[in-house]
Amino acid sequence: MADELPVCVVSELTPGAVMGAGHYAVGNASGRLFAVSRRCRHLGADLAGGSIDKQGCLVCP
């Protein structure tokens, strides 16, 4: 089993929220929780500062 990384209380990760957790950006896209690499592969931006669009996609800041 992989190591676990505490992020926050689930109730704090409301729909549309994105935050950083170590090397990951975690978020809630309309009730679907996700975790991705924190750095954008295109420009290296911090995805923890991103947003979630109306289609539920993580948008680079």
Protein backbone atom coordinates (compact mmCIF):
# COMPACT_ATOMS: atom_id res chain seq x y z
CA MET A 1 0.00 0.00 0.00
CA ALA A 2 1.28 3.49 -0.84
CA ASP A 3 2.10 6.03 1.84
CA GLU A 4 -0.77 8.32 2.75
CA LEU A 5 -0.48 12.09 2.77
CA PRO A 6 -2.97 13.94 4.97
CA VAL A 7 -4.52 16.85 3.07
CA CYS A 8 -7.52 18.25 4.92
CA VAL A 9 -10.87 17.34 6.38
CA VAL A 10 -13.03 16.20 3.44
CA SER A 11 -15.70 18.78 4.29
CA GLU A 12 -13.11 21.53 3.65
CA LEU A 13 -12.61 20.32 0.07
CA THR A 14 -15.85 21.74 -1.26
CA PRO A 15 -16.87 21.48 -4.94
CA GLY A 16 -14.61 23.74 -6.99
CA ALA A 17 -11.80 23.77 -4.40
CA VAL A 18 -8.18 23.05 -5.33
CA MET A 19 -5.28 22.96 -2.86
CA GLY A 20 -1.72 21.76 -2.57
CA ALA A 21 -0.60 18.69 -0.64
CA GLY A 22 3.09 17.98 -0.94
CA HIS A 23 3.87 17.21 -4.58
CA TYR A 24 0.17 17.01 -5.48
CA ALA A 25 -2.72 19.31 -6.29
CA VAL A 26 -5.96 17.91 -4.92
CA GLY A 27 -9.45 19.09 -5.64
CA ASN A 28 -13.14 18.49 -5.87
CA ALA A 29 -14.74 18.63 -9.31
CA SER A 30 -18.51 18.48 -8.70
CA GLY A 31 -18.13 15.91 -5.93
CA ARG A 32 -15.38 13.89 -7.64
CA LEU A 33 -12.16 14.12 -5.63
CA PHE A 34 -8.87 14.02 -7.54
CA ALA A 35 -5.12 14.28 -7.04
CA VAL A 36 -2.62 15.10 -9.78
CA SER A 37 1.02 16.10 -9.99
CA ARG A 38 1.26 19.64 -8.65
CA ARG A 39 3.33 21.04 -11.52
CA CYS A 40 1.89 21.83 -14.94
CA ARG A 41 3.84 19.90 -17.57
CA HIS A 42 3.47 22.78 -20.03
CA LEU A 43 4.85 25.78 -18.11
CA GLY A 44 5.65 24.37 -14.67
CA ALA A 45 2.93 26.42 -12.93
CA ASP A 46 1.64 25.33 -9.52
CA LEU A 47 -1.69 23.60 -10.20
CA ALA A 48 -2.68 24.08 -6.55
CA GLY A 49 -3.40 27.67 -7.63
CA GLY A 50 -5.59 26.51 -10.50
CA SER A 51 -9.34 26.42 -10.80
CA ILE A 52 -12.00 24.00 -11.98
CA ASP A 53 -14.03 25.03 -15.02
CA LYS A 54 -17.73 24.36 -15.71
CA GLN A 55 -16.83 21.06 -17.43
CA GLY A 56 -15.01 19.85 -14.30
CA CYS A 57 -11.50 20.24 -15.74
CA LEU A 58 -8.55 21.56 -13.76
CA VAL A 59 -7.36 24.81 -15.35
CA CYS A 60 -3.75 25.88 -15.01
CA PRO A 61 -3.27 29.25 -13.28
